[in-house]
Amino acid sequence: MSKRENDSFSVKDLMQLFIKENNLTKGMQKIKIEEIWNQMMGPGVATHTTSVKLQNKTLVIQLNSSVLREELSYGKDKIIKLMNEEIGEEVVTKLMLV
């Protein structure tokens, strides 16, 4: 019988390795973007958000409130900066509120 290797890895390291080897990084970023949006903006904005999509470094946020859309448009640069900081890399370069 062969000897067991005693190399131990954390689940987090194994998941990151799996994601990287199978080219799933962009898909995982899209999922994380939606989670970050809801967490960052809070329940008030999240209830008026109908969809969050990442398309070619453009974050497309669909809102059902024109008043909220107008308010958020004043802070687009800050939202982009906060999203990228939360993700840890520059994933979003443009924000569209529709």
PDB file of N, CA and C in Angstrom:
ATOM      1  N   MET A   1       0.840  -1.165   0.000  1.00  0.00           N
ATOM      2  CA  MET A   1       0.000   0.000   0.000  1.00  0.00           C
ATOM      3  C   MET A   1       0.896   1.243   0.000  1.00  0.00           C
ATOM      4  N   SER A   2       0.527   2.244  -0.763  1.00  0.00           N
ATOM      5  CA  SER A   2       1.349   3.442  -0.848  1.00  0.00           C
ATOM      6  C   SER A   2       1.120   4.347   0.359  1.00  0.00           C
ATOM      7  N   LYS A   3       2.101   5.166   0.588  1.00  0.00           N
ATOM      8  CA  LYS A   3       2.069   6.070   1.732  1.00  0.00           C
ATOM      9  C   LYS A   3       1.225   7.303   1.401  1.00  0.00           C
ATOM     10  N   ARG A   4       0.458   7.771   2.353  1.00  0.00           N
ATOM     11  CA  ARG A   4      -0.358   8.971   2.166  1.00  0.00           C
ATOM     12  C   ARG A   4       0.491  10.223   2.254  1.00  0.00           C
ATOM     13  N   GLU A   5       0.121  11.195   1.446  1.00  0.00           N
ATOM     14  CA  GLU A   5       0.809  12.483   1.547  1.00  0.00           C
ATOM     15  C   GLU A   5       0.134  13.296   2.638  1.00  0.00           C
ATOM     16  N   ASN A   6       0.923  14.018   3.379  1.00  0.00           N
ATOM     17  CA  ASN A   6       0.389  14.811   4.485  1.00  0.00           C
ATOM     18  C   ASN A   6       0.226  16.280   4.126  1.00  0.00           C
ATOM     19  N   ASP A   7       0.187  16.588   2.837  1.00  0.00           N
ATOM     20  CA  ASP A   7      -0.043  17.973   2.429  1.00  0.00           C
ATOM     21  C   ASP A   7      -1.474  18.351   2.778  1.00  0.00           C
ATOM     22  N   SER A   8      -1.637  19.450   3.470  1.00  0.00           N
ATOM     23  CA  SER A   8      -2.987  19.894   3.810  1.00  0.00           C
ATOM     24  C   SER A   8      -3.246  21.244   3.154  1.00  0.00           C
ATOM     25  N   PHE A   9      -4.426  21.382   2.630  1.00  0.00           N
ATOM     26  CA  PHE A   9      -4.834  22.600   1.964  1.00  0.00           C
ATOM     27  C   PHE A   9      -6.152  23.050   2.562  1.00  0.00           C
ATOM     28  N   SER A  10      -6.353  24.357   2.603  1.00  0.00           N
ATOM     29  CA  SER A  10      -7.645  24.845   3.078  1.00  0.00           C
ATOM     30  C   SER A  10      -8.648  24.735   1.932  1.00  0.00           C
ATOM     31  N   VAL A  11      -9.904  24.676   2.282  1.00  0.00           N
ATOM     32  CA  VAL A  11     -10.964  24.575   1.285  1.00  0.00           C
ATOM     33  C   VAL A  11     -10.946  25.816   0.395  1.00  0.00           C
ATOM     34  N   LYS A  12     -10.669  26.965   0.985  1.00  0.00           N
ATOM     35  CA  LYS A  12     -10.619  28.216   0.227  1.00  0.00           C
ATOM     36  C   LYS A  12      -9.544  28.147  -0.856  1.00  0.00           C
ATOM     37  N   ASP A  13      -8.352  27.661  -0.495  1.00  0.00           N
ATOM     38  CA  ASP A  13      -7.266  27.537  -1.471  1.00  0.00           C
ATOM     39  C   ASP A  13      -7.632  26.561  -2.586  1.00  0.00           C
ATOM     40  N   LEU A  14      -8.254  25.458  -2.225  1.00  0.00           N
ATOM     41  CA  LEU A  14      -8.652  24.467  -3.222  1.00  0.00           C
ATOM     42  C   LEU A  14      -9.718  25.018  -4.169  1.00  0.00           C
ATOM     43  N   MET A  15     -10.673  25.767  -3.625  1.00  0.00           N
ATOM     44  CA  MET A  15     -11.714  26.362  -4.471  1.00  0.00           C
ATOM     45  C   MET A  15     -11.125  27.389  -5.430  1.00  0.00           C
ATOM     46  N   GLN A  16     -10.202  28.223  -4.940  1.00  0.00           N
ATOM     47  CA  GLN A  16      -9.567  29.214  -5.805  1.00  0.00           C
ATOM     48  C   GLN A  16      -8.769  28.543  -6.909  1.00  0.00           C
ATOM     49  N   LEU A  17      -8.085  27.464  -6.590  1.00  0.00           N
ATOM     50  CA  LEU A  17      -7.331  26.720  -7.580  1.00  0.00           C
ATOM     51  C   LEU A  17      -8.265  26.104  -8.623  1.00  0.00           C
ATOM     52  N   PHE A  18      -9.370  25.538  -8.174  1.00  0.00           N
ATOM     53  CA  PHE A  18     -10.354  24.944  -9.073  1.00  0.00           C
ATOM     54  C   PHE A  18     -10.942  25.997 -10.010  1.00  0.00           C
ATOM     55  N   ILE A  19     -11.305  27.154  -9.460  1.00  0.00           N
ATOM     56  CA  ILE A  19     -11.881  28.244 -10.252  1.00  0.00           C
ATOM     57  C   ILE A  19     -10.885  28.724 -11.294  1.00  0.00           C
ATOM     58  N   LYS A  20      -9.632  28.870 -10.906  1.00  0.00           N
ATOM     59  CA  LYS A  20      -8.600  29.355 -11.820  1.00  0.00           C
ATOM     60  C   LYS A  20      -8.321  28.340 -12.936  1.00  0.00           C
ATOM     61  N   GLU A  21      -8.207  27.066 -12.582  1.00  0.00           N
ATOM     62  CA  GLU A  21      -7.881  26.037 -13.568  1.00  0.00           C
ATOM     63  C   GLU A  21      -9.002  25.818 -14.571  1.00  0.00           C
ATOM     64  N   ASN A  22     -10.239  26.054 -14.180  1.00  0.00           N
ATOM     65  CA  ASN A  22     -11.377  25.819 -15.063  1.00  0.00           C
ATOM     66  C   ASN A  22     -11.938  27.096 -15.692  1.00  0.00           C
ATOM     67  N   ASN A  23     -11.178  28.186 -15.612  1.00  0.00           N
ATOM     68  CA  ASN A  23     -11.556  29.473 -16.207  1.00  0.00           C
ATOM     69  C   ASN A  23     -12.957  29.924 -15.787  1.00  0.00           C
ATOM     70  N   LEU A  24     -13.223  29.863 -14.512  1.00  0.00           N
ATOM     71  CA  LEU A  24     -14.519  30.275 -13.972  1.00  0.00           C
ATOM     72  C   LEU A  24     -14.465  31.627 -13.283  1.00  0.00           C
ATOM     73  N   THR A  25     -13.352  32.328 -13.408  1.00  0.00           N
ATOM     74  CA  THR A  25     -13.158  33.587 -12.688  1.00  0.00           C
ATOM     75  C   THR A  25     -14.205  34.629 -13.055  1.00  0.00           C
ATOM     76  N   LYS A  26     -14.469  34.808 -14.351  1.00  0.00           N
ATOM     77  CA  LYS A  26     -15.435  35.833 -14.759  1.00  0.00           C
ATOM     78  C   LYS A  26     -16.835  35.519 -14.261  1.00  0.00           C
ATOM     79  N   GLY A  27     -17.229  34.277 -14.312  1.00  0.00           N
ATOM     80  CA  GLY A  27     -18.546  33.889 -13.816  1.00  0.00           C
ATOM     81  C   GLY A  27     -18.681  34.112 -12.325  1.00  0.00           C
ATOM     82  N   MET A  28     -17.638  33.807 -11.595  1.00  0.00           N
ATOM     83  CA  MET A  28     -17.662  34.014 -10.145  1.00  0.00           C
ATOM     84  C   MET A  28     -17.700  35.508  -9.816  1.00  0.00           C
ATOM     85  N   GLN A  29     -17.022  36.321 -10.629  1.00  0.00           N
ATOM     86  CA  GLN A  29     -17.051  37.766 -10.410  1.00  0.00           C
ATOM     87  C   GLN A  29     -18.460  38.309 -10.611  1.00  0.00           C
ATOM     88  N   LYS A  30     -19.160  37.785 -11.616  1.00  0.00           N
ATOM     89  CA  LYS A  30     -20.527  38.247 -11.871  1.00  0.00           C
ATOM     90  C   LYS A  30     -21.441  37.933 -10.696  1.00  0.00           C
ATOM     91  N   ILE A  31     -21.264  36.781 -10.099  1.00  0.00           N
ATOM     92  CA  ILE A  31     -22.070  36.407  -8.939  1.00  0.00           C
ATOM     93  C   ILE A  31     -21.712  37.288  -7.746  1.00  0.00           C
ATOM     94  N   LYS A  32     -20.428  37.507  -7.560  1.00  0.00           N
ATOM     95  CA  LYS A  32     -19.966  38.304  -6.423  1.00  0.00           C
ATOM     96  C   LYS A  32     -20.412  39.764  -6.550  1.00  0.00           C
ATOM     97  N   ILE A  33     -20.447  40.287  -7.773  1.00  0.00           N
ATOM     98  CA  ILE A  33     -20.876  41.672  -8.011  1.00  0.00           C
ATOM     99  C   ILE A  33     -22.286  41.890  -7.471  1.00  0.00           C
ATOM    100  N   GLU A  34     -23.188  40.960  -7.748  1.00  0.00           N
ATOM    101  CA  GLU A  34     -24.571  41.113  -7.288  1.00  0.00           C
ATOM    102  C   GLU A  34     -24.651  41.074  -5.765  1.00  0.00           C
ATOM    103  N   GLU A  35     -23.893  40.182  -5.157  1.00  0.00           N
ATOM    104  CA  GLU A  35     -23.868  40.109  -3.692  1.00  0.00           C
ATOM    105  C   GLU A  35     -23.320  41.396  -3.087  1.00  0.00           C
ATOM    106  N   ILE A  36     -22.246  41.919  -3.673  1.00  0.00           N
ATOM    107  CA  ILE A  36     -21.629  43.144  -3.169  1.00  0.00           C
ATOM    108  C   ILE A  36     -22.579  44.327  -3.321  1.00  0.00           C
ATOM    109  N   TRP A  37     -23.287  44.412  -4.459  1.00  0.00           N
ATOM    110  CA  TRP A  37     -24.228  45.505  -4.689  1.00  0.00           C
ATOM    111  C   TRP A  37     -25.297  45.527  -3.591  1.00  0.00           C
ATOM    112  N   ASN A  38     -25.898  44.370  -3.325  1.00  0.00           N
ATOM    113  CA  ASN A  38     -26.949  44.307  -2.311  1.00  0.00           C
ATOM    114  C   ASN A  38     -26.410  44.620  -0.918  1.00  0.00           C
ATOM    115  N   GLN A  39     -25.213  44.151  -0.633  1.00  0.00           N
ATOM    116  CA  GLN A  39     -24.602  44.394   0.679  1.00  0.00           C
ATOM    117  C   GLN A  39     -24.201  45.857   0.830  1.00  0.00           C
ATOM    118  N   MET A  40     -23.605  46.425  -0.197  1.00  0.00           N
ATOM    119  CA  MET A  40     -23.082  47.782  -0.152  1.00  0.00           C
ATOM    120  C   MET A  40     -24.203  48.824  -0.118  1.00  0.00           C
ATOM    121  N   MET A  41     -25.244  48.607  -0.897  1.00  0.00           N
ATOM    122  CA  MET A  41     -26.312  49.597  -1.015  1.00  0.00           C
ATOM    123  C   MET A  41     -27.386  49.447   0.058  1.00  0.00           C
ATOM    124  N   GLY A  42     -27.466  48.293   0.668  1.00  0.00           N
ATOM    125  CA  GLY A  42     -28.441  48.089   1.735  1.00  0.00           C
ATOM    126  C   GLY A  42     -29.808  47.656   1.218  1.00  0.00           C
ATOM    127  N   PRO A  43     -30.700  47.335   2.131  1.00  0.00           N
ATOM    128  CA  PRO A  43     -32.005  46.805   1.741  1.00  0.00           C
ATOM    129  C   PRO A  43     -32.904  47.815   1.023  1.00  0.00           C
ATOM    130  N   GLY A  44     -32.745  49.098   1.313  1.00  0.00           N
ATOM    131  CA  GLY A  44     -33.568  50.113   0.659  1.00  0.00           C
ATOM    132  C   GLY A  44     -33.361  50.163  -0.836  1.00  0.00           C
ATOM    133  N   VAL A  45     -32.114  50.159  -1.261  1.00  0.00           N
ATOM    134  CA  VAL A  45     -31.790  50.192  -2.690  1.00  0.00           C
ATOM    135  C   VAL A  45     -32.009  48.808  -3.305  1.00  0.00           C
ATOM    136  N   ALA A  46     -31.700  47.764  -2.547  1.00  0.00           N
ATOM    137  CA  ALA A  46     -31.833  46.396  -3.063  1.00  0.00           C
ATOM    138  C   ALA A  46     -33.275  46.076  -3.442  1.00  0.00           C
ATOM    139  N   THR A  47     -34.247  46.624  -2.707  1.00  0.00           N
ATOM    140  CA  THR A  47     -35.647  46.346  -3.042  1.00  0.00           C
ATOM    141  C   THR A  47     -36.067  46.999  -4.353  1.00  0.00           C
ATOM    142  N   HIS A  48     -35.415  48.086  -4.730  1.00  0.00           N
ATOM    143  CA  HIS A  48     -35.731  48.769  -5.986  1.00  0.00           C
ATOM    144  C   HIS A  48     -34.845  48.309  -7.142  1.00  0.00           C
ATOM    145  N   THR A  49     -33.908  47.410  -6.885  1.00  0.00           N
ATOM    146  CA  THR A  49     -33.021  46.891  -7.918  1.00  0.00           C
ATOM    147  C   THR A  49     -33.646  45.653  -8.532  1.00  0.00           C
ATOM    148  N   THR A  50     -33.829  45.674  -9.852  1.00  0.00           N
ATOM    149  CA  THR A  50     -34.435  44.520 -10.513  1.00  0.00           C
ATOM    150  C   THR A  50     -33.390  43.604 -11.146  1.00  0.00           C
ATOM    151  N   SER A  51     -32.235  44.144 -11.530  1.00  0.00           N
ATOM    152  CA  SER A  51     -31.168  43.277 -12.054  1.00  0.00           C
ATOM    153  C   SER A  51     -29.816  43.951 -11.934  1.00  0.00           C
ATOM    154  N   VAL A  52     -28.799  43.106 -11.732  1.00  0.00           N
ATOM    155  CA  VAL A  52     -27.411  43.549 -11.639  1.00  0.00           C
ATOM    156  C   VAL A  52     -26.612  42.664 -12.588  1.00  0.00           C
ATOM    157  N   LYS A  53     -26.000  43.275 -13.597  1.00  0.00           N
ATOM    158  CA  LYS A  53     -25.238  42.509 -14.581  1.00  0.00           C
ATOM    159  C   LYS A  53     -23.879  43.156 -14.816  1.00  0.00           C
ATOM    160  N   LEU A  54     -22.889  42.329 -15.072  1.00  0.00           N
ATOM    161  CA  LEU A  54     -21.555  42.804 -15.431  1.00  0.00           C
ATOM    162  C   LEU A  54     -21.298  42.377 -16.866  1.00  0.00           C
ATOM    163  N   GLN A  55     -21.131  43.364 -17.753  1.00  0.00           N
ATOM    164  CA  GLN A  55     -20.910  43.094 -19.171  1.00  0.00           C
ATOM    165  C   GLN A  55     -19.705  43.897 -19.641  1.00  0.00           C
ATOM    166  N   ASN A  56     -18.616  43.203 -19.948  1.00  0.00           N
ATOM    167  CA  ASN A  56     -17.407  43.855 -20.468  1.00  0.00           C
ATOM    168  C   ASN A  56     -16.957  45.031 -19.616  1.00  0.00           C
ATOM    169  N   LYS A  57     -16.785  44.789 -18.333  1.00  0.00           N
ATOM    170  CA  LYS A  57     -16.342  45.785 -17.362  1.00  0.00           C
ATOM    171  C   LYS A  57     -17.333  46.928 -17.153  1.00  0.00           C
ATOM    172  N   THR A  58     -18.566  46.762 -17.641  1.00  0.00           N
ATOM    173  CA  THR A  58     -19.622  47.740 -17.419  1.00  0.00           C
ATOM    174  C   THR A  58     -20.653  47.117 -16.493  1.00  0.00           C
ATOM    175  N   LEU A  59     -20.895  47.771 -15.380  1.00  0.00           N
ATOM    176  CA  LEU A  59     -21.891  47.303 -14.428  1.00  0.00           C
ATOM    177  C   LEU A  59     -23.225  47.927 -14.807  1.00  0.00           C
ATOM    178  N   VAL A  60     -24.197  47.080 -15.157  1.00  0.00           N
ATOM    179  CA  VAL A  60     -25.516  47.541 -15.575  1.00  0.00           C
ATOM    180  C   VAL A  60     -26.496  47.240 -14.449  1.00  0.00           C
ATOM    181  N   ILE A  61     -27.037  48.297 -13.875  1.00  0.00           N
ATOM    182  CA  ILE A  61     -27.980  48.184 -12.765  1.00  0.00           C
ATOM    183  C   ILE A  61     -29.347  48.628 -13.262  1.00  0.00           C
ATOM    184  N   GLN A  62     -30.321  47.742 -13.147  1.00  0.00           N
ATOM    185  CA  GLN A  62     -31.678  48.081 -13.555  1.00  0.00           C
ATOM    186  C   GLN A  62     -32.489  48.380 -12.300  1.00  0.00           C
ATOM    187  N   LEU A  63     -33.060  49.574 -12.263  1.00  0.00           N
ATOM    188  CA  LEU A  63     -33.825  50.034 -11.098  1.00  0.00           C
ATOM    189  C   LEU A  63     -35.274  50.302 -11.493  1.00  0.00           C
ATOM    190  N   ASN A  64     -36.204  50.114 -10.568  1.00  0.00           N
ATOM    191  CA  ASN A  64     -37.608  50.400 -10.857  1.00  0.00           C
ATOM    192  C   ASN A  64     -38.049  51.743 -10.278  1.00  0.00           C
ATOM    193  N   SER A  65     -37.093  52.561  -9.844  1.00  0.00           N
ATOM    194  CA  SER A  65     -37.399  53.875  -9.289  1.00  0.00           C
ATOM    195  C   SER A  65     -36.560  54.938 -10.003  1.00  0.00           C
ATOM    196  N   SER A  66     -37.231  55.828 -10.705  1.00  0.00           N
ATOM    197  CA  SER A  66     -36.507  56.873 -11.435  1.00  0.00           C
ATOM    198  C   SER A  66     -35.842  57.864 -10.483  1.00  0.00           C
ATOM    199  N   VAL A  67     -36.451  58.089  -9.331  1.00  0.00           N
ATOM    200  CA  VAL A  67     -35.880  59.003  -8.337  1.00  0.00           C
ATOM    201  C   VAL A  67     -34.571  58.436  -7.801  1.00  0.00           C
ATOM    202  N   LEU A  68     -34.560  57.149  -7.472  1.00  0.00           N
ATOM    203  CA  LEU A  68     -33.362  56.490  -6.981  1.00  0.00           C
ATOM    204  C   LEU A  68     -32.277  56.462  -8.054  1.00  0.00           C
ATOM    205  N   ARG A  69     -32.679  56.211  -9.290  1.00  0.00           N
ATOM    206  CA  ARG A  69     -31.724  56.203 -10.411  1.00  0.00           C
ATOM    207  C   ARG A  69     -31.015  57.549 -10.521  1.00  0.00           C
ATOM    208  N   GLU A  70     -31.767  58.618 -10.384  1.00  0.00           N
ATOM    209  CA  GLU A  70     -31.202  59.967 -10.462  1.00  0.00           C
ATOM    210  C   GLU A  70     -30.253  60.229  -9.296  1.00  0.00           C
ATOM    211  N   GLU A  71     -30.644  59.833  -8.098  1.00  0.00           N
ATOM    212  CA  GLU A  71     -29.798  60.024  -6.913  1.00  0.00           C
ATOM    213  C   GLU A  71     -28.486  59.256  -7.043  1.00  0.00           C
ATOM    214  N   LEU A  72     -28.556  58.008  -7.484  1.00  0.00           N
ATOM    215  CA  LEU A  72     -27.348  57.196  -7.613  1.00  0.00           C
ATOM    216  C   LEU A  72     -26.442  57.688  -8.740  1.00  0.00           C
ATOM    217  N   SER A  73     -27.011  58.336  -9.745  1.00  0.00           N
ATOM    218  CA  SER A  73     -26.193  58.817 -10.866  1.00  0.00           C
ATOM    219  C   SER A  73     -25.192  59.884 -10.425  1.00  0.00           C
ATOM    220  N   TYR A  74     -25.490  60.587  -9.335  1.00  0.00           N
ATOM    221  CA  TYR A  74     -24.556  61.598  -8.836  1.00  0.00           C
ATOM    222  C   TYR A  74     -23.301  60.974  -8.217  1.00  0.00           C
ATOM    223  N   GLY A  75     -23.390  59.734  -7.781  1.00  0.00           N
ATOM    224  CA  GLY A  75     -22.249  59.097  -7.127  1.00  0.00           C
ATOM    225  C   GLY A  75     -21.665  57.929  -7.907  1.00  0.00           C
ATOM    226  N   LYS A  76     -21.767  57.956  -9.231  1.00  0.00           N
ATOM    227  CA  LYS A  76     -21.287  56.839 -10.052  1.00  0.00           C
ATOM    228  C   LYS A  76     -19.814  56.513  -9.813  1.00  0.00           C
ATOM    229  N   ASP A  77     -18.980  57.541  -9.801  1.00  0.00           N
ATOM    230  CA  ASP A  77     -17.538  57.311  -9.619  1.00  0.00           C
ATOM    231  C   ASP A  77     -17.242  56.666  -8.269  1.00  0.00           C
ATOM    232  N   LYS A  78     -17.935  57.117  -7.251  1.00  0.00           N
ATOM    233  CA  LYS A  78     -17.726  56.561  -5.915  1.00  0.00           C
ATOM    234  C   LYS A  78     -18.202  55.107  -5.855  1.00  0.00           C
ATOM    235  N   ILE A  79     -19.313  54.802  -6.487  1.00  0.00           N
ATOM    236  CA  ILE A  79     -19.835  53.433  -6.511  1.00  0.00           C
ATOM    237  C   ILE A  79     -18.852  52.508  -7.217  1.00  0.00           C
ATOM    238  N   ILE A  80     -18.303  52.948  -8.351  1.00  0.00           N
ATOM    239  CA  ILE A  80     -17.323  52.147  -9.101  1.00  0.00           C
ATOM    240  C   ILE A  80     -16.099  51.881  -8.236  1.00  0.00           C
ATOM    241  N   LYS A  81     -15.621  52.924  -7.575  1.00  0.00           N
ATOM    242  CA  LYS A  81     -14.437  52.788  -6.726  1.00  0.00           C
ATOM    243  C   LYS A  81     -14.680  51.805  -5.582  1.00  0.00           C
ATOM    244  N   LEU A  82     -15.817  51.929  -4.915  1.00  0.00           N
ATOM    245  CA  LEU A  82     -16.143  51.041  -3.795  1.00  0.00           C
ATOM    246  C   LEU A  82     -16.322  49.591  -4.249  1.00  0.00           C
ATOM    247  N   MET A  83     -16.947  49.387  -5.402  1.00  0.00           N
ATOM    248  CA  MET A  83     -17.137  48.025  -5.919  1.00  0.00           C
ATOM    249  C   MET A  83     -15.792  47.372  -6.202  1.00  0.00           C
ATOM    250  N   ASN A  84     -14.896  48.107  -6.857  1.00  0.00           N
ATOM    251  CA  ASN A  84     -13.578  47.559  -7.185  1.00  0.00           C
ATOM    252  C   ASN A  84     -12.758  47.275  -5.925  1.00  0.00           C
ATOM    253  N   GLU A  85     -12.868  48.148  -4.933  1.00  0.00           N
ATOM    254  CA  GLU A  85     -12.154  47.920  -3.669  1.00  0.00           C
ATOM    255  C   GLU A  85     -12.662  46.666  -2.979  1.00  0.00           C
ATOM    256  N   GLU A  86     -13.965  46.467  -3.016  1.00  0.00           N
ATOM    257  CA  GLU A  86     -14.560  45.304  -2.361  1.00  0.00           C
ATOM    258  C   GLU A  86     -14.159  43.999  -3.057  1.00  0.00           C
ATOM    259  N   ILE A  87     -14.070  44.033  -4.374  1.00  0.00           N
ATOM    260  CA  ILE A  87     -13.677  42.839  -5.130  1.00  0.00           C
ATOM    261  C   ILE A  87     -12.176  42.590  -5.016  1.00  0.00           C
ATOM    262  N   GLY A  88     -11.404  43.661  -4.958  1.00  0.00           N
ATOM    263  CA  GLY A  88      -9.958  43.507  -4.814  1.00  0.00           C
ATOM    264  C   GLY A  88      -9.203  43.671  -6.116  1.00  0.00           C
ATOM    265  N   GLU A  89      -9.888  43.969  -7.195  1.00  0.00           N
ATOM    266  CA  GLU A  89      -9.248  44.244  -8.476  1.00  0.00           C
ATOM    267  C   GLU A  89     -10.196  45.113  -9.305  1.00  0.00           C
ATOM    268  N   GLU A  90      -9.665  45.698 -10.380  1.00  0.00           N
ATOM    269  CA  GLU A  90     -10.479  46.587 -11.188  1.00  0.00           C
ATOM    270  C   GLU A  90     -11.323  45.776 -12.169  1.00  0.00           C
ATOM    271  N   VAL A  91     -12.544  45.501 -11.782  1.00  0.00           N
ATOM    272  CA  VAL A  91     -13.472  44.728 -12.587  1.00  0.00           C
ATOM    273  C   VAL A  91     -14.474  45.654 -13.275  1.00  0.00           C
ATOM    274  N   VAL A  92     -14.846  46.739 -12.600  1.00  0.00           N
ATOM    275  CA  VAL A  92     -15.839  47.674 -13.116  1.00  0.00           C
ATOM    276  C   VAL A  92     -15.149  48.972 -13.528  1.00  0.00           C
ATOM    277  N   THR A  93     -15.382  49.400 -14.776  1.00  0.00           N
ATOM    278  CA  THR A  93     -14.842  50.683 -15.237  1.00  0.00           C
ATOM    279  C   THR A  93     -15.959  51.672 -15.570  1.00  0.00           C
ATOM    280  N   LYS A  94     -17.160  51.171 -15.776  1.00  0.00           N
ATOM    281  CA  LYS A  94     -18.274  52.038 -16.148  1.00  0.00           C
ATOM    282  C   LYS A  94     -19.540  51.540 -15.445  1.00  0.00           C
ATOM    283  N   LEU A  95     -20.418  52.479 -15.083  1.00  0.00           N
ATOM    284  CA  LEU A  95     -21.675  52.139 -14.407  1.00  0.00           C
ATOM    285  C   LEU A  95     -22.834  52.711 -15.218  1.00  0.00           C
ATOM    286  N   MET A  96     -23.795  51.845 -15.550  1.00  0.00           N
ATOM    287  CA  MET A  96     -24.996  52.274 -16.254  1.00  0.00           C
ATOM    288  C   MET A  96     -26.194  52.003 -15.364  1.00  0.00           C
ATOM    289  N   LEU A  97     -26.981  53.034 -15.111  1.00  0.00           N
ATOM    290  CA  LEU A  97     -28.199  52.899 -14.323  1.00  0.00           C
ATOM    291  C   LEU A  97     -29.378  52.997 -15.273  1.00  0.00           C
ATOM    292  N   VAL A  98     -30.127  51.928 -15.414  1.00  0.00           N
ATOM    293  CA  VAL A  98     -31.264  51.917 -16.347  1.00  0.00           C
ATOM    294  C   VAL A  98     -32.552  51.576 -15.632  1.00  0.00           C
TER     295      VAL A  98
END
